[in-house]
């Protein structure tokens, strides 16, 4: 029964590890999205700058765009930094969860080996007892046959 309980615990740990790995995947996808946002912002800045150079009317609003662009870059940079911290924490959690899972699996494997060895020991003892009993019966039977031959 204890082995069965450990198997259930192993399943729970595997599920938790899978959940953490899914969360890490989401964090990594979000990081890529933020990096793509930075690339898009840089491209758009170049486009806006060229438009401001080409059109005096667009040049009037370029200053406000630059302020927005700087603020937006800062927001994306903060989000990236926070996300990267979460990624590091999640990786640490995954490592810890994996180590716990491996410990449980090794413990379960050792239990099963001990149980199998105990079962083999008991089986061998029982077979030895059966063999010994059969041997005694044969000897008794042979002794009876010998004594029956002598008395005839």
N, C-alpha and C. Protein backbone atom coordinates (compact mmCIF):
# COMPACT_ATOMS: atom_id res chain seq x y z
N UNK A 1 0.82 -1.19 0.00
CA UNK A 1 0.00 0.00 0.00
C UNK A 1 0.86 1.25 0.00
N UNK A 2 1.98 1.21 0.73
CA UNK A 2 2.86 2.38 0.77
C UNK A 2 3.43 2.65 -0.62
N UNK A 3 3.75 1.59 -1.36
CA UNK A 3 4.25 1.77 -2.72
C UNK A 3 3.24 2.46 -3.60
N UNK A 4 1.97 2.09 -3.40
CA UNK A 4 0.91 2.69 -4.19
C UNK A 4 0.79 4.18 -3.86
N UNK A 5 0.90 4.52 -2.56
CA UNK A 5 0.85 5.92 -2.14
C UNK A 5 1.98 6.72 -2.78
N UNK A 6 3.17 6.13 -2.87
CA UNK A 6 4.30 6.80 -3.48
C UNK A 6 4.08 7.00 -4.98
N UNK A 7 3.45 6.03 -5.61
CA UNK A 7 3.15 6.18 -7.04
C UNK A 7 2.19 7.34 -7.28
N UNK A 8 1.23 7.50 -6.38
CA UNK A 8 0.30 8.62 -6.49
C UNK A 8 1.05 9.94 -6.31
N UNK A 9 1.94 9.96 -5.34
CA UNK A 9 2.74 11.16 -5.09
C UNK A 9 3.62 11.48 -6.31
N UNK A 10 4.16 10.47 -6.94
CA UNK A 10 4.98 10.66 -8.14
C UNK A 10 4.12 11.27 -9.25
N UNK A 11 2.89 10.76 -9.42
CA UNK A 11 2.00 11.32 -10.45
C UNK A 11 1.70 12.79 -10.17
N UNK A 12 1.47 13.12 -8.90
CA UNK A 12 1.19 14.51 -8.53
C UNK A 12 2.40 15.39 -8.84
N UNK A 13 3.59 14.91 -8.51
CA UNK A 13 4.80 15.69 -8.78
C UNK A 13 5.03 15.85 -10.29
N UNK A 14 4.73 14.81 -11.06
CA UNK A 14 4.87 14.92 -12.52
C UNK A 14 3.91 15.98 -13.06
N UNK A 15 2.69 15.97 -12.55
CA UNK A 15 1.70 16.96 -12.97
C UNK A 15 2.18 18.37 -12.63
N UNK A 16 2.68 18.55 -11.40
CA UNK A 16 3.17 19.87 -10.98
C UNK A 16 4.36 20.31 -11.84
N UNK A 17 5.24 19.38 -12.16
CA UNK A 17 6.39 19.70 -13.02
C UNK A 17 5.90 20.11 -14.40
N UNK A 18 4.94 19.38 -14.94
CA UNK A 18 4.37 19.73 -16.25
C UNK A 18 3.74 21.13 -16.22
N UNK A 19 3.04 21.44 -15.14
CA UNK A 19 2.41 22.76 -15.00
C UNK A 19 3.47 23.87 -15.00
N UNK A 20 4.54 23.64 -14.26
CA UNK A 20 5.62 24.65 -14.22
C UNK A 20 6.26 24.80 -15.59
N UNK A 21 6.43 23.70 -16.30
CA UNK A 21 7.02 23.78 -17.64
C UNK A 21 6.11 24.53 -18.60
N UNK A 22 4.79 24.34 -18.45
CA UNK A 22 3.84 25.10 -19.28
C UNK A 22 3.94 26.60 -18.97
N UNK A 23 4.02 26.92 -17.68
CA UNK A 23 4.15 28.33 -17.28
C UNK A 23 5.43 28.92 -17.84
N UNK A 24 6.51 28.16 -17.79
CA UNK A 24 7.77 28.64 -18.35
C UNK A 24 7.62 28.88 -19.85
N UNK A 25 6.95 27.99 -20.53
CA UNK A 25 6.71 28.16 -21.96
C UNK A 25 5.94 29.44 -22.24
N UNK A 26 4.93 29.71 -21.41
CA UNK A 26 4.16 30.96 -21.58
C UNK A 26 5.03 32.18 -21.33
N UNK A 27 5.87 32.11 -20.31
CA UNK A 27 6.77 33.23 -20.01
C UNK A 27 7.76 33.46 -21.15
N UNK A 28 8.26 32.40 -21.72
CA UNK A 28 9.21 32.53 -22.84
C UNK A 28 8.52 33.10 -24.08
N UNK A 29 7.28 32.69 -24.31
CA UNK A 29 6.53 33.25 -25.45
C UNK A 29 6.27 34.74 -25.23
N UNK A 30 5.94 35.11 -23.99
CA UNK A 30 5.70 36.52 -23.68
C UNK A 30 6.98 37.32 -23.85
N UNK A 31 8.12 36.73 -23.47
CA UNK A 31 9.41 37.42 -23.67
C UNK A 31 9.65 37.67 -25.15
N UNK A 32 9.38 36.67 -25.98
CA UNK A 32 9.55 36.85 -27.44
C UNK A 32 8.62 37.94 -27.96
N UNK A 33 7.39 37.98 -27.45
CA UNK A 33 6.43 39.00 -27.88
C UNK A 33 6.93 40.39 -27.50
N UNK A 34 7.49 40.52 -26.31
CA UNK A 34 8.03 41.82 -25.88
C UNK A 34 9.24 42.21 -26.73
N UNK A 35 10.09 41.25 -27.02
CA UNK A 35 11.25 41.54 -27.88
C UNK A 35 10.78 41.96 -29.27
N UNK A 36 9.76 41.29 -29.79
CA UNK A 36 9.20 41.67 -31.09
C UNK A 36 8.60 43.07 -31.04
N UNK A 37 7.98 43.39 -29.90
CA UNK A 37 7.42 44.74 -29.71
C UNK A 37 8.52 45.79 -29.79
N UNK A 38 9.67 45.51 -29.19
CA UNK A 38 10.79 46.46 -29.25
C UNK A 38 11.28 46.64 -30.69
N UNK A 39 11.34 45.54 -31.43
CA UNK A 39 11.77 45.62 -32.84
C UNK A 39 10.77 46.45 -33.63
N UNK A 40 9.48 46.19 -33.40
CA UNK A 40 8.42 46.94 -34.09
C UNK A 40 8.50 48.43 -33.75
N UNK A 41 8.74 48.73 -32.47
CA UNK A 41 8.87 50.14 -32.06
C UNK A 41 10.04 50.82 -32.76
N UNK A 42 11.16 50.11 -32.87
CA UNK A 42 12.34 50.67 -33.54
C UNK A 42 12.05 50.93 -35.02
N UNK A 43 11.38 49.98 -35.68
CA UNK A 43 11.04 50.16 -37.10
C UNK A 43 10.08 51.34 -37.28
N UNK A 44 9.09 51.38 -36.38
CA UNK A 44 8.10 52.46 -36.48
C UNK A 44 8.75 53.82 -36.23
N UNK A 45 9.71 53.88 -35.32
CA UNK A 45 10.41 55.13 -35.05
C UNK A 45 11.11 55.63 -36.31
N UNK A 46 11.78 54.73 -37.00
CA UNK A 46 12.48 55.10 -38.25
C UNK A 46 11.46 55.62 -39.26
N UNK A 47 10.33 54.95 -39.37
CA UNK A 47 9.29 55.38 -40.31
C UNK A 47 8.76 56.77 -39.95
N UNK A 48 8.50 56.99 -38.67
CA UNK A 48 7.98 58.28 -38.21
C UNK A 48 9.02 59.39 -38.42
N UNK A 49 10.28 59.03 -38.18
CA UNK A 49 11.36 60.02 -38.36
C UNK A 49 11.48 60.42 -39.83
N UNK A 50 11.41 59.44 -40.72
CA UNK A 50 11.47 59.73 -42.16
C UNK A 50 10.27 60.54 -42.60
N UNK A 51 9.10 60.23 -42.05
CA UNK A 51 7.89 60.99 -42.39
C UNK A 51 8.02 62.43 -41.91
N UNK A 52 8.60 62.63 -40.73
CA UNK A 52 8.78 63.98 -40.18
C UNK A 52 9.76 64.78 -41.02
N UNK A 53 10.76 64.12 -41.56
CA UNK A 53 11.74 64.81 -42.42
C UNK A 53 11.10 65.19 -43.75
N UNK A 54 10.22 64.35 -44.24
CA UNK A 54 9.61 64.57 -45.55
C UNK A 54 8.43 65.53 -45.51
N UNK A 55 7.74 65.60 -44.39
CA UNK A 55 6.51 66.40 -44.31
C UNK A 55 6.58 67.33 -43.11
N UNK A 56 6.54 68.64 -43.34
CA UNK A 56 6.62 69.59 -42.22
C UNK A 56 5.45 69.45 -41.25
N UNK A 57 4.28 69.04 -41.71
CA UNK A 57 3.13 68.86 -40.82
C UNK A 57 3.39 67.70 -39.87
N UNK A 58 3.96 66.62 -40.40
CA UNK A 58 4.28 65.46 -39.57
C UNK A 58 5.38 65.82 -38.58
N UNK A 59 6.26 66.74 -38.96
CA UNK A 59 7.35 67.15 -38.08
C UNK A 59 6.81 67.82 -36.82
N UNK A 60 5.63 68.47 -36.92
CA UNK A 60 5.04 69.14 -35.76
C UNK A 60 4.65 68.16 -34.66
N UNK A 61 4.24 66.98 -35.04
CA UNK A 61 3.81 65.99 -34.04
C UNK A 61 4.92 65.00 -33.68
N UNK A 62 6.06 65.12 -34.34
CA UNK A 62 7.14 64.16 -34.10
C UNK A 62 7.67 64.24 -32.67
N UNK A 63 7.73 65.41 -32.09
CA UNK A 63 8.20 65.57 -30.71
C UNK A 63 7.34 64.78 -29.73
N UNK A 64 6.02 64.87 -29.91
CA UNK A 64 5.10 64.12 -29.04
C UNK A 64 5.29 62.61 -29.26
N UNK A 65 5.51 62.24 -30.52
CA UNK A 65 5.74 60.83 -30.83
C UNK A 65 7.01 60.33 -30.14
N UNK A 66 8.07 61.15 -30.18
CA UNK A 66 9.34 60.76 -29.54
C UNK A 66 9.12 60.52 -28.05
N UNK A 67 8.37 61.42 -27.39
CA UNK A 67 8.09 61.24 -25.96
C UNK A 67 7.33 59.93 -25.72
N UNK A 68 6.30 59.68 -26.54
CA UNK A 68 5.54 58.44 -26.40
C UNK A 68 6.45 57.23 -26.63
N UNK A 69 7.29 57.32 -27.67
CA UNK A 69 8.19 56.23 -28.03
C UNK A 69 9.14 55.91 -26.87
N UNK A 70 9.70 56.93 -26.25
CA UNK A 70 10.61 56.72 -25.12
C UNK A 70 9.87 56.05 -23.97
N UNK A 71 8.67 56.56 -23.64
CA UNK A 71 7.88 55.96 -22.55
C UNK A 71 7.51 54.51 -22.86
N UNK A 72 7.11 54.26 -24.08
CA UNK A 72 6.72 52.91 -24.47
C UNK A 72 7.92 51.95 -24.39
N UNK A 73 9.07 52.41 -24.84
CA UNK A 73 10.28 51.59 -24.74
C UNK A 73 10.61 51.26 -23.29
N UNK A 74 10.44 52.26 -22.42
CA UNK A 74 10.70 52.04 -20.99
C UNK A 74 9.72 51.01 -20.42
N UNK A 75 8.44 51.11 -20.81
CA UNK A 75 7.44 50.15 -20.33
C UNK A 75 7.78 48.74 -20.80
N UNK A 76 8.17 48.62 -22.05
CA UNK A 76 8.52 47.30 -22.59
C UNK A 76 9.78 46.77 -21.89
N UNK A 77 10.77 47.64 -21.66
CA UNK A 77 11.99 47.22 -20.97
C UNK A 77 11.68 46.74 -19.55
N UNK A 78 10.79 47.47 -18.84
CA UNK A 78 10.41 47.04 -17.48
C UNK A 78 9.70 45.69 -17.53
N UNK A 79 8.79 45.57 -18.47
CA UNK A 79 8.05 44.30 -18.61
C UNK A 79 9.01 43.15 -18.93
N UNK A 80 9.98 43.41 -19.80
CA UNK A 80 10.98 42.39 -20.14
C UNK A 80 11.78 41.99 -18.90
N UNK A 81 12.22 42.98 -18.13
CA UNK A 81 13.01 42.69 -16.93
C UNK A 81 12.19 41.87 -15.93
N UNK A 82 10.94 42.27 -15.69
CA UNK A 82 10.08 41.53 -14.77
C UNK A 82 9.85 40.11 -15.28
N UNK A 83 9.59 39.98 -16.56
CA UNK A 83 9.35 38.67 -17.16
C UNK A 83 10.59 37.79 -17.04
N UNK A 84 11.76 38.37 -17.28
CA UNK A 84 12.99 37.58 -17.19
C UNK A 84 13.25 37.12 -15.76
N UNK A 85 12.89 37.95 -14.78
CA UNK A 85 13.00 37.53 -13.38
C UNK A 85 12.06 36.35 -13.10
N UNK A 86 10.86 36.42 -13.62
CA UNK A 86 9.90 35.32 -13.46
C UNK A 86 10.42 34.05 -14.13
N UNK A 87 11.05 34.22 -15.28
CA UNK A 87 11.63 33.07 -16.00
C UNK A 87 12.70 32.41 -15.13
N UNK A 88 13.57 33.21 -14.54
CA UNK A 88 14.63 32.66 -13.68
C UNK A 88 14.03 31.91 -12.48
N UNK A 89 13.01 32.52 -11.86
CA UNK A 89 12.36 31.87 -10.72
C UNK A 89 11.69 30.56 -11.15
N UNK A 90 11.02 30.60 -12.28
CA UNK A 90 10.32 29.40 -12.77
C UNK A 90 11.33 28.31 -13.10
N UNK A 91 12.47 28.67 -13.67
CA UNK A 91 13.50 27.66 -13.97
C UNK A 91 14.01 27.03 -12.67
N UNK A 92 14.20 27.85 -11.63
CA UNK A 92 14.62 27.31 -10.34
C UNK A 92 13.57 26.37 -9.78
N UNK A 93 12.29 26.75 -9.90
CA UNK A 93 11.21 25.89 -9.41
C UNK A 93 11.17 24.58 -10.19
N UNK A 94 11.41 24.65 -11.48
CA UNK A 94 11.41 23.44 -12.32
C UNK A 94 12.56 22.52 -11.90
N UNK A 95 13.72 23.10 -11.66
CA UNK A 95 14.87 22.29 -11.23
C UNK A 95 14.56 21.60 -9.91
N UNK A 96 13.99 22.36 -8.98
CA UNK A 96 13.64 21.81 -7.67
C UNK A 96 12.58 20.72 -7.80
N UNK A 97 11.56 20.97 -8.59
CA UNK A 97 10.48 19.99 -8.78
C UNK A 97 11.02 18.72 -9.44
N UNK A 98 11.93 18.90 -10.41
CA UNK A 98 12.52 17.75 -11.10
C UNK A 98 13.35 16.92 -10.11
N UNK A 99 14.12 17.60 -9.26
CA UNK A 99 14.93 16.87 -8.28
C UNK A 99 14.04 16.10 -7.30
N UNK A 100 12.96 16.72 -6.85
CA UNK A 100 12.02 16.04 -5.95
C UNK A 100 11.41 14.82 -6.64
N UNK A 101 11.01 15.01 -7.89
CA UNK A 101 10.42 13.90 -8.65
C UNK A 101 11.42 12.75 -8.80
N UNK A 102 12.65 13.08 -9.15
CA UNK A 102 13.67 12.03 -9.31
C UNK A 102 13.92 11.30 -8.00
N UNK A 103 13.94 12.05 -6.90
CA UNK A 103 14.13 11.43 -5.59
C UNK A 103 13.00 10.43 -5.31
N UNK A 104 11.77 10.85 -5.58
CA UNK A 104 10.62 9.97 -5.37
C UNK A 104 10.70 8.74 -6.27
N UNK A 105 11.05 8.95 -7.53
CA UNK A 105 11.14 7.83 -8.47
C UNK A 105 12.22 6.84 -8.05
N UNK A 106 13.35 7.35 -7.61
CA UNK A 106 14.45 6.47 -7.17
C UNK A 106 14.03 5.71 -5.91
N UNK A 107 13.37 6.42 -4.99
CA UNK A 107 12.89 5.77 -3.77
C UNK A 107 11.90 4.67 -4.11
N UNK A 108 10.98 4.95 -5.03
CA UNK A 108 9.99 3.95 -5.45
C UNK A 108 10.69 2.76 -6.10
N UNK A 109 11.66 3.04 -6.96
CA UNK A 109 12.39 1.98 -7.63
C UNK A 109 13.13 1.10 -6.61
N UNK A 110 13.75 1.74 -5.61
CA UNK A 110 14.45 0.97 -4.57
C UNK A 110 13.47 0.14 -3.75
N UNK A 111 12.30 0.70 -3.45
CA UNK A 111 11.27 -0.05 -2.72
C UNK A 111 10.86 -1.28 -3.50
N UNK A 112 10.62 -1.07 -4.81
CA UNK A 112 10.19 -2.19 -5.65
C UNK A 112 11.27 -3.26 -5.73
N UNK A 113 12.54 -2.83 -5.79
CA UNK A 113 13.64 -3.81 -5.82
C UNK A 113 13.69 -4.59 -4.51
N UNK A 114 13.52 -3.87 -3.37
CA UNK A 114 13.53 -4.56 -2.08
C UNK A 114 12.36 -5.52 -1.96
N UNK A 115 11.18 -5.06 -2.41
CA UNK A 115 10.00 -5.93 -2.36
C UNK A 115 10.19 -7.17 -3.23
N UNK A 116 10.78 -6.98 -4.42
CA UNK A 116 11.03 -8.10 -5.31
C UNK A 116 12.06 -9.06 -4.69
N UNK A 117 13.11 -8.50 -4.10
CA UNK A 117 14.12 -9.34 -3.46
C UNK A 117 13.51 -10.12 -2.30
N UNK A 118 12.65 -9.47 -1.52
CA UNK A 118 11.98 -10.15 -0.40
C UNK A 118 11.06 -11.26 -0.92
N UNK A 119 10.34 -10.97 -1.98
CA UNK A 119 9.47 -11.98 -2.57
C UNK A 119 10.29 -13.16 -3.09
N UNK A 120 11.40 -12.89 -3.75
CA UNK A 120 12.27 -13.96 -4.24
C UNK A 120 12.83 -14.77 -3.07
N UNK A 121 13.23 -14.06 -1.99
CA UNK A 121 13.75 -14.76 -0.82
C UNK A 121 12.70 -15.69 -0.23
N UNK A 122 11.47 -15.18 -0.09
CA UNK A 122 10.38 -16.00 0.46
C UNK A 122 10.05 -17.17 -0.46
N UNK A 123 10.04 -16.90 -1.77
CA UNK A 123 9.75 -17.96 -2.74
C UNK A 123 10.83 -19.04 -2.68
N UNK A 124 12.09 -18.61 -2.62
CA UNK A 124 13.19 -19.58 -2.54
C UNK A 124 13.13 -20.38 -1.24
N UNK A 125 12.78 -19.71 -0.14
CA UNK A 125 12.67 -20.42 1.14
C UNK A 125 11.55 -21.45 1.07
N UNK A 126 10.44 -21.06 0.45
CA UNK A 126 9.31 -21.98 0.32
C UNK A 126 9.69 -23.15 -0.59
N UNK A 127 10.37 -22.86 -1.69
CA UNK A 127 10.79 -23.94 -2.60
C UNK A 127 11.80 -24.85 -1.91
N UNK A 128 12.70 -24.25 -1.13
CA UNK A 128 13.67 -25.06 -0.38
C UNK A 128 12.94 -25.98 0.60
N UNK A 129 11.93 -25.43 1.29
CA UNK A 129 11.16 -26.22 2.26
C UNK A 129 10.43 -27.36 1.55
N UNK A 130 9.86 -27.06 0.39
CA UNK A 130 9.16 -28.10 -0.38
C UNK A 130 10.16 -29.17 -0.80
N UNK A 131 11.31 -28.73 -1.30
CA UNK A 131 12.34 -29.69 -1.71
C UNK A 131 12.82 -30.55 -0.56
N UNK A 132 13.01 -29.93 0.60
CA UNK A 132 13.45 -30.66 1.78
C UNK A 132 12.39 -31.66 2.23
N UNK A 133 11.13 -31.24 2.21
CA UNK A 133 10.03 -32.12 2.60
C UNK A 133 9.96 -33.33 1.65
N UNK A 134 10.08 -33.06 0.35
CA UNK A 134 10.06 -34.16 -0.63
C UNK A 134 11.23 -35.10 -0.41
N UNK A 135 12.38 -34.54 -0.11
CA UNK A 135 13.57 -35.36 0.13
C UNK A 135 13.37 -36.25 1.35
N UNK A 136 12.82 -35.69 2.44
CA UNK A 136 12.56 -36.48 3.66
C UNK A 136 11.56 -37.60 3.38
N UNK A 137 10.52 -37.26 2.64
CA UNK A 137 9.50 -38.28 2.32
C UNK A 137 10.11 -39.43 1.54
N UNK A 138 10.96 -39.08 0.58
CA UNK A 138 11.62 -40.12 -0.21
C UNK A 138 12.49 -41.00 0.70
N UNK A 139 13.23 -40.33 1.58
CA UNK A 139 14.09 -41.11 2.49
C UNK A 139 13.24 -41.99 3.39
N UNK A 140 12.13 -41.45 3.91
CA UNK A 140 11.26 -42.26 4.76
C UNK A 140 10.66 -43.42 3.97
N UNK A 141 10.27 -43.12 2.75
CA UNK A 141 9.68 -44.16 1.91
C UNK A 141 10.72 -45.24 1.60
N UNK A 142 11.93 -44.82 1.31
CA UNK A 142 13.00 -45.78 1.03
C UNK A 142 13.31 -46.60 2.27
N UNK A 143 13.30 -45.93 3.45
CA UNK A 143 13.59 -46.63 4.70
C UNK A 143 12.48 -47.65 4.98
N UNK A 144 11.23 -47.28 4.73
CA UNK A 144 10.11 -48.21 4.93
C UNK A 144 10.21 -49.38 3.98
N UNK A 145 10.58 -49.09 2.73
CA UNK A 145 10.70 -50.17 1.76
C UNK A 145 11.83 -51.12 2.16
N UNK A 146 12.93 -50.56 2.68
CA UNK A 146 14.05 -51.39 3.11
C UNK A 146 13.66 -52.24 4.32
N UNK A 147 12.98 -51.62 5.26
CA UNK A 147 12.57 -52.39 6.45
C UNK A 147 11.52 -53.42 6.08
N UNK A 148 10.69 -53.14 5.10
CA UNK A 148 9.69 -54.12 4.63
C UNK A 148 10.36 -55.28 3.93
N UNK A 149 11.46 -55.03 3.24
CA UNK A 149 12.19 -56.09 2.56
C UNK A 149 12.93 -56.97 3.58
N UNK A 150 13.44 -56.35 4.62
CA UNK A 150 14.18 -57.10 5.63
C UNK A 150 13.24 -58.00 6.44
N UNK A 151 12.05 -57.56 6.72
CA UNK A 151 11.12 -58.36 7.53
C UNK A 151 10.46 -59.46 6.69
N UNK A 152 10.57 -59.41 5.39
CA UNK A 152 9.94 -60.49 4.62
C UNK A 152 10.78 -61.69 4.50
